[in-house]
Amino acid sequence: MKSPSKNHTTSKFISKLLVRLFIIILAAAIIPVFVDDEIAAKMETTYVYIENKWVFIFPLILFLSFLTLLILTGRARHEKTDLNWMLSLNTLLLIIYVIMLFIRLAPLIYK
């Protein structure tokens, strides 16, 4: 039987690592809302006005492609190297986007 290539093993490890990191980052961002009543109260009174509603289309596409790739990779049980790398890249971009969004909104929430 043929053993998997080193590239396959690396892509499998990286994709699983980044997906878990993304879930941990999302959980870390949501936990303070449920734990601290003061932060939850600030979240209710904090409003962000965005002039152009089309700004939301690209993060939506990024998140939907993440879900699609996550489902496809899960069905293939991380056996397809190309799907693993696409999921890794997509998750990395999503992590960067979430961190940039948090940096932008943190001064409004934690003031």
C-alpha atoms as a PDB file:
ATOM      1  CA  MET A   1       0.000   0.000   0.000  1.00  0.00           C
ATOM      2  CA  LYS A   2       1.206   3.464  -0.868  1.00  0.00           C
ATOM      3  CA  SER A   3       1.943   5.826   2.018  1.00  0.00           C
ATOM      4  CA  PRO A   4       0.608   9.396   1.806  1.00  0.00           C
ATOM      5  CA  SER A   5       3.003  12.044   0.571  1.00  0.00           C
ATOM      6  CA  LYS A   6       4.562  14.584   2.874  1.00  0.00           C
ATOM      7  CA  ASN A   7       2.578  17.345   1.136  1.00  0.00           C
ATOM      8  CA  HIS A   8      -0.668  15.536   1.934  1.00  0.00           C
ATOM      9  CA  THR A   9       0.269  15.115   5.585  1.00  0.00           C
ATOM     10  CA  THR A  10       1.270  18.780   5.831  1.00  0.00           C
ATOM     11  CA  SER A  11      -1.894  20.039   4.145  1.00  0.00           C
ATOM     12  CA  LYS A  12      -4.052  17.874   6.394  1.00  0.00           C
ATOM     13  CA  PHE A  13      -2.304  19.156   9.532  1.00  0.00           C
ATOM     14  CA  ILE A  14      -2.407  22.816   8.463  1.00  0.00           C
ATOM     15  CA  SER A  15      -6.085  22.734   7.475  1.00  0.00           C
ATOM     16  CA  LYS A  16      -7.141  21.102  10.751  1.00  0.00           C
ATOM     17  CA  LEU A  17      -4.975  23.521  12.748  1.00  0.00           C
ATOM     18  CA  LEU A  18      -6.370  26.629  11.051  1.00  0.00           C
ATOM     19  CA  VAL A  19      -9.997  25.511  11.345  1.00  0.00           C
ATOM     20  CA  ARG A  20      -9.536  24.837  15.052  1.00  0.00           C
ATOM     21  CA  LEU A  21      -7.772  28.176  15.500  1.00  0.00           C
ATOM     22  CA  PHE A  22     -10.649  29.956  13.746  1.00  0.00           C
ATOM     23  CA  ILE A  23     -13.205  28.286  16.019  1.00  0.00           C
ATOM     24  CA  ILE A  24     -11.165  29.205  19.106  1.00  0.00           C
ATOM     25  CA  ILE A  25     -10.928  32.840  17.945  1.00  0.00           C
ATOM     26  CA  LEU A  26     -14.686  32.997  17.361  1.00  0.00           C
ATOM     27  CA  ALA A  27     -15.368  31.483  20.772  1.00  0.00           C
ATOM     28  CA  ALA A  28     -12.954  33.916  22.431  1.00  0.00           C
ATOM     29  CA  ALA A  29     -14.750  36.813  20.763  1.00  0.00           C
ATOM     30  CA  ILE A  30     -18.218  35.657  21.791  1.00  0.00           C
ATOM     31  CA  ILE A  31     -17.528  34.530  25.389  1.00  0.00           C
ATOM     32  CA  PRO A  32     -17.198  38.053  26.913  1.00  0.00           C
ATOM     33  CA  VAL A  33     -20.712  38.919  25.741  1.00  0.00           C
ATOM     34  CA  PHE A  34     -22.185  36.052  27.746  1.00  0.00           C
ATOM     35  CA  VAL A  35     -19.891  36.296  30.772  1.00  0.00           C
ATOM     36  CA  ASP A  36     -19.693  40.040  31.454  1.00  0.00           C
ATOM     37  CA  ASP A  37     -23.000  41.901  31.845  1.00  0.00           C
ATOM     38  CA  GLU A  38     -21.313  45.273  31.383  1.00  0.00           C
ATOM     39  CA  ILE A  39     -19.964  44.290  27.963  1.00  0.00           C
ATOM     40  CA  ALA A  40     -23.344  42.853  26.969  1.00  0.00           C
ATOM     41  CA  ALA A  41     -24.983  46.159  27.922  1.00  0.00           C
ATOM     42  CA  LYS A  42     -22.419  48.080  25.861  1.00  0.00           C
ATOM     43  CA  MET A  43     -23.068  45.788  22.892  1.00  0.00           C
ATOM     44  CA  GLU A  44     -26.775  46.652  23.036  1.00  0.00           C
ATOM     45  CA  THR A  45     -26.073  50.387  22.930  1.00  0.00           C
ATOM     46  CA  THR A  46     -23.218  50.310  20.405  1.00  0.00           C
ATOM     47  CA  TYR A  47     -24.254  51.103  16.858  1.00  0.00           C
ATOM     48  CA  VAL A  48     -22.068  51.016  13.792  1.00  0.00           C
ATOM     49  CA  TYR A  49     -23.326  52.857  10.743  1.00  0.00           C
ATOM     50  CA  ILE A  50     -22.045  51.625   7.401  1.00  0.00           C
ATOM     51  CA  GLU A  51     -22.869  53.805   4.420  1.00  0.00           C
ATOM     52  CA  ASN A  52     -22.329  51.219   1.715  1.00  0.00           C
ATOM     53  CA  LYS A  53     -24.226  47.955   2.285  1.00  0.00           C
ATOM     54  CA  TRP A  54     -22.226  46.211  -0.453  1.00  0.00           C
ATOM     55  CA  VAL A  55     -19.332  46.029   1.985  1.00  0.00           C
ATOM     56  CA  PHE A  56     -20.934  42.909   3.466  1.00  0.00           C
ATOM     57  CA  ILE A  57     -20.942  40.907   0.219  1.00  0.00           C
ATOM     58  CA  PHE A  58     -17.243  39.966   0.289  1.00  0.00           C
ATOM     59  CA  PRO A  59     -17.147  38.735   3.910  1.00  0.00           C
ATOM     60  CA  LEU A  60     -20.346  36.809   3.171  1.00  0.00           C
ATOM     61  CA  ILE A  61     -18.754  35.152   0.134  1.00  0.00           C
ATOM     62  CA  LEU A  62     -15.646  34.368   2.203  1.00  0.00           C
ATOM     63  CA  PHE A  63     -17.686  32.793   5.002  1.00  0.00           C
ATOM     64  CA  LEU A  64     -19.926  30.807   2.633  1.00  0.00           C
ATOM     65  CA  SER A  65     -16.888  29.488   0.784  1.00  0.00           C
ATOM     66  CA  PHE A  66     -15.390  28.511   4.166  1.00  0.00           C
ATOM     67  CA  LEU A  67     -18.513  26.532   5.034  1.00  0.00           C
ATOM     68  CA  THR A  68     -18.583  24.898   1.594  1.00  0.00           C
ATOM     69  CA  LEU A  69     -14.918  23.920   1.747  1.00  0.00           C
ATOM     70  CA  LEU A  70     -15.308  22.704   5.330  1.00  0.00           C
ATOM     71  CA  ILE A  71     -18.180  20.420   4.304  1.00  0.00           C
ATOM     72  CA  LEU A  72     -16.387  19.146   1.196  1.00  0.00           C
ATOM     73  CA  THR A  73     -13.166  18.516   3.089  1.00  0.00           C
ATOM     74  CA  GLY A  74     -15.031  16.798   5.906  1.00  0.00           C
ATOM     75  CA  ARG A  75     -16.822  14.517   3.475  1.00  0.00           C
ATOM     76  CA  ALA A  76     -13.522  13.618   1.812  1.00  0.00           C
ATOM     77  CA  ARG A  77     -12.012  13.084   5.301  1.00  0.00           C
ATOM     78  CA  HIS A  78      -9.047  15.343   4.465  1.00  0.00           C
ATOM     79  CA  GLU A  79      -7.861  12.947   1.753  1.00  0.00           C
ATOM     80  CA  LYS A  80      -7.795  15.522  -1.068  1.00  0.00           C
ATOM     81  CA  THR A  81      -4.724  17.694  -0.850  1.00  0.00           C
ATOM     82  CA  ASP A  82      -6.138  20.483  -3.030  1.00  0.00           C
ATOM     83  CA  LEU A  83      -9.226  20.848  -0.859  1.00  0.00           C
ATOM     84  CA  ASN A  84      -7.044  20.932   2.237  1.00  0.00           C
ATOM     85  CA  TRP A  85      -4.929  23.776   0.854  1.00  0.00           C
ATOM     86  CA  MET A  86      -7.974  25.727  -0.355  1.00  0.00           C
ATOM     87  CA  LEU A  87      -9.590  25.353   3.078  1.00  0.00           C
ATOM     88  CA  SER A  88      -6.341  26.449   4.727  1.00  0.00           C
ATOM     89  CA  LEU A  89      -6.063  29.576   2.584  1.00  0.00           C
ATOM     90  CA  ASN A  90      -9.719  30.443   3.033  1.00  0.00           C
ATOM     91  CA  THR A  91      -9.537  29.958   6.799  1.00  0.00           C
ATOM     92  CA  LEU A  92      -6.379  32.059   7.029  1.00  0.00           C
ATOM     93  CA  LEU A  93      -8.077  34.914   5.164  1.00  0.00           C
ATOM     94  CA  LEU A  94     -11.120  34.570   7.398  1.00  0.00           C
ATOM     95  CA  ILE A  95      -8.955  34.680  10.531  1.00  0.00           C
ATOM     96  CA  ILE A  96      -7.239  37.833   9.269  1.00  0.00           C
ATOM     97  CA  TYR A  97     -10.611  39.406   8.498  1.00  0.00           C
ATOM     98  CA  VAL A  98     -12.034  38.576  11.950  1.00  0.00           C
ATOM     99  CA  ILE A  99      -8.933  39.957  13.687  1.00  0.00           C
ATOM    100  CA  MET A 100      -9.119  43.185  11.659  1.00  0.00           C
ATOM    101  CA  LEU A 101     -12.821  43.497  12.454  1.00  0.00           C
ATOM    102  CA  PHE A 102     -12.167  42.963  16.164  1.00  0.00           C
ATOM    103  CA  ILE A 103      -9.386  45.578  16.168  1.00  0.00           C
ATOM    104  CA  ARG A 104     -11.784  48.025  14.558  1.00  0.00           C
ATOM    105  CA  LEU A 105     -14.713  47.324  16.914  1.00  0.00           C
ATOM    106  CA  ALA A 106     -12.817  46.773  20.181  1.00  0.00           C
ATOM    107  CA  PRO A 107     -12.444  50.490  21.011  1.00  0.00           C
ATOM    108  CA  LEU A 108     -16.216  50.926  20.634  1.00  0.00           C
ATOM    109  CA  ILE A 109     -17.060  47.998  22.893  1.00  0.00           C
ATOM    110  CA  TYR A 110     -14.300  48.099  25.518  1.00  0.00           C
ATOM    111  CA  LYS A 111     -14.139  51.863  26.108  1.00  0.00           C
END
